[in-house]
Protein backbone atom coordinates (compact mmCIF):
# COMPACT_ATOMS: atom_id res chain seq x y z
CA UNK A 1 0.00 0.00 0.00
CA UNK A 2 1.34 3.42 -1.03
CA UNK A 3 -0.29 6.66 0.13
CA UNK A 4 -0.87 9.87 -1.88
CA UNK A 5 2.61 11.21 -1.00
CA UNK A 6 4.36 8.07 -2.25
CA UNK A 7 5.13 6.70 1.21
CA UNK A 8 4.90 2.96 1.80
CA UNK A 9 2.17 2.06 4.34
CA UNK A 10 2.97 -1.66 4.29
CA UNK A 11 0.67 -4.65 3.68
CA UNK A 12 -2.99 -4.22 4.67
CA UNK A 13 -6.42 -5.66 3.92
CA UNK A 14 -8.29 -4.33 0.90
CA UNK A 15 -11.29 -3.18 2.93
CA UNK A 16 -9.03 -1.25 5.30
CA UNK A 17 -7.15 0.36 2.38
CA UNK A 18 -10.43 1.42 0.69
CA UNK A 19 -11.62 3.02 3.94
CA UNK A 20 -8.33 4.92 4.36
CA UNK A 21 -8.47 6.13 0.73
CA UNK A 22 -12.07 7.31 1.18
CA UNK A 23 -11.03 9.10 4.38
CA UNK A 24 -8.46 11.10 2.41
CA UNK A 25 -10.97 11.67 -0.43
CA UNK A 26 -9.10 9.56 -3.02
CA UNK A 27 -9.60 6.25 -4.84
CA UNK A 28 -7.68 3.01 -4.30
CA UNK A 29 -5.95 2.04 -7.55
CA UNK A 30 -4.08 -1.20 -8.15
CA UNK A 31 -0.69 -0.32 -9.65
CA UNK A 32 0.95 -3.71 -10.22
CA UNK A 33 -1.50 -6.62 -9.88
CA UNK A 34 1.13 -9.31 -10.67
CA UNK A 35 3.31 -8.53 -7.66
CA UNK A 36 3.00 -10.63 -4.52
CA UNK A 37 1.29 -9.00 -2.64
CA UNK A 38 -0.32 -6.66 -5.26
CA UNK A 39 0.68 -2.99 -5.01
CA UNK A 40 -2.08 -0.36 -4.67
CA UNK A 41 -1.96 3.42 -4.35
CA UNK A 42 -4.24 6.26 -3.22
CA UNK A 43 -5.02 8.33 -6.35
CA UNK A 44 -7.64 10.66 -7.77
CA UNK A 45 -8.62 8.43 -10.70
CA UNK A 46 -10.11 11.28 -12.76
CA UNK A 47 -6.94 13.33 -12.48
CA UNK A 48 -4.80 10.27 -13.23
CA UNK A 49 -6.76 9.59 -16.47
CA UNK A 50 -6.55 13.27 -17.45
CA UNK A 51 -2.76 13.36 -17.00
CA UNK A 52 -2.33 10.11 -18.96
CA UNK A 53 -4.46 11.56 -21.76
CA UNK A 54 -2.38 14.77 -21.83
CA UNK A 55 0.86 12.80 -21.93
CA UNK A 56 -0.42 10.71 -24.88
CA UNK A 57 -1.50 13.86 -26.75
CA UNK A 58 1.93 15.44 -26.17
CA UNK A 59 3.67 12.35 -27.57
CA UNK A 60 1.42 12.41 -30.65
CA UNK A 61 2.29 16.08 -31.18
CA UNK A 62 6.04 15.37 -31.02
CA UNK A 63 5.80 12.54 -33.56
CA UNK A 64 6.89 13.47 -37.07
CA UNK A 65 5.63 11.58 -40.06
CA UNK A 66 8.14 10.95 -42.79
CA UNK A 67 7.09 12.55 -46.06
CA UNK A 68 8.32 11.86 -49.58
CA UNK A 69 9.49 15.06 -51.25
CA UNK A 70 10.06 15.11 -54.99
CA UNK A 71 12.77 16.92 -56.95
CA UNK A 72 12.43 16.98 -60.74
CA UNK A 73 15.42 17.39 -63.05
CA UNK A 74 16.28 17.08 -66.72
CA UNK A 75 19.31 15.19 -68.11
CA UNK A 76 21.01 18.33 -69.46
CA UNK A 77 20.50 20.40 -66.29
CA UNK A 78 22.76 23.43 -65.91
CA UNK A 79 25.27 23.62 -63.02
CA UNK A 80 23.55 26.44 -61.14
CA UNK A 81 20.12 24.80 -61.46
CA UNK A 82 21.64 21.54 -60.28
CA UNK A 83 23.23 23.24 -57.24
CA UNK A 84 19.92 24.89 -56.33
CA UNK A 85 18.07 21.56 -56.52
CA UNK A 86 20.81 19.85 -54.47
CA UNK A 87 20.41 22.44 -51.70
CA UNK A 88 16.73 21.49 -51.47
CA UNK A 89 17.56 17.76 -51.52
CA UNK A 90 20.00 18.21 -48.61
CA UNK A 91 17.46 20.36 -46.73
CA UNK A 92 14.71 17.73 -47.12
CA UNK A 93 16.99 14.90 -45.99
CA UNK A 94 18.17 16.87 -42.95
CA UNK A 95 14.50 17.42 -42.03
CA UNK A 96 14.10 13.63 -41.98
CA UNK A 97 12.09 13.32 -45.20
CA UNK A 98 12.64 10.90 -48.07
CA UNK A 99 13.48 12.45 -51.43
CA UNK A 100 12.33 11.09 -54.77
CA UNK A 101 14.60 12.38 -57.53
CA UNK A 102 12.81 12.30 -60.90
CA UNK A 103 14.74 12.64 -64.14
CA UNK A 104 12.32 13.64 -66.92
CA UNK A 105 13.18 12.87 -70.54
CA UNK A 106 11.57 14.77 -73.43
CA UNK A 107 11.78 14.06 -77.14
CA UNK A 108 15.16 12.81 -78.31
CA UNK A 109 16.55 12.84 -74.76
CA UNK A 110 15.11 9.31 -74.46
CA UNK A 111 17.95 8.05 -76.65
CA UNK A 112 20.51 9.35 -74.12
CA UNK A 113 19.52 7.60 -70.87
CA UNK A 114 23.18 7.56 -69.81
CA UNK A 115 23.10 11.37 -69.36
CA UNK A 116 20.24 11.08 -66.88
CA UNK A 117 21.95 8.18 -65.12
CA UNK A 118 25.15 10.27 -64.80
CA UNK A 119 23.21 13.12 -63.13
CA UNK A 120 21.51 10.70 -60.71
CA UNK A 121 24.90 9.11 -59.87
CA UNK A 122 26.22 12.61 -59.15
CA UNK A 123 23.27 13.24 -56.80
CA UNK A 124 23.96 9.90 -55.10
CA UNK A 125 27.67 10.71 -54.60
CA UNK A 126 26.98 14.20 -53.20
CA UNK A 127 24.45 12.91 -50.65
CA UNK A 128 26.35 9.72 -49.73
CA UNK A 129 27.32 11.02 -46.25
CA UNK A 130 23.76 12.01 -45.19
CA UNK A 131 21.49 9.70 -47.22
CA UNK A 132 21.27 6.15 -48.48
CA UNK A 133 19.70 5.03 -51.75
CA UNK A 134 16.44 3.30 -50.97
CA UNK A 135 15.43 2.70 -54.60
CA UNK A 136 18.18 2.65 -57.21
CA UNK A 137 17.61 4.55 -60.47
CA UNK A 138 15.08 2.83 -62.76
CA UNK A 139 13.15 3.82 -65.85
CA UNK A 140 9.37 4.26 -65.69
CA UNK A 141 8.10 5.37 -69.07
CA UNK A 142 9.74 8.73 -69.87
CA UNK A 143 11.08 9.17 -66.32
CA UNK A 144 13.99 7.77 -64.37
CA UNK A 145 13.34 7.57 -60.60
CA UNK A 146 15.59 7.24 -57.56
CA UNK A 147 14.56 7.44 -53.88
CA UNK A 148 16.92 8.68 -51.15
CA UNK A 149 16.25 8.31 -47.42
CA UNK A 150 18.09 9.81 -44.43
CA UNK A 151 20.80 7.67 -42.80
């Protein structure tokens, strides 16, 4: 038996413990039923439920869902455009999000898949220290896709 201040009152009969709890204006709550003898405590059950509910809500608020962000590029992307896109890729990965890098091919660019693959390899090398490749580059129609996730 543990009282409202956390002090151990020792082993006592259930009826006696209920009477003592009622005398203090609290409820008798069984804390660990598997112990021998079972441990009970004087608590205000309504307040206890309220605090447990608040703690669960706080944990839900702190949880962050992992999103998939997409960056689209072309095989003959210019250096400055590439650097700008890479800044965003690094920013997304540092935020804990996955990044889907899409290489879009238009017209005759389809004949030069190796250019797109070279750009995606460059992305992979630049992000090697902060991200791992979750899905290696693959063609899907007129697009080549690669997915990066934070390490």
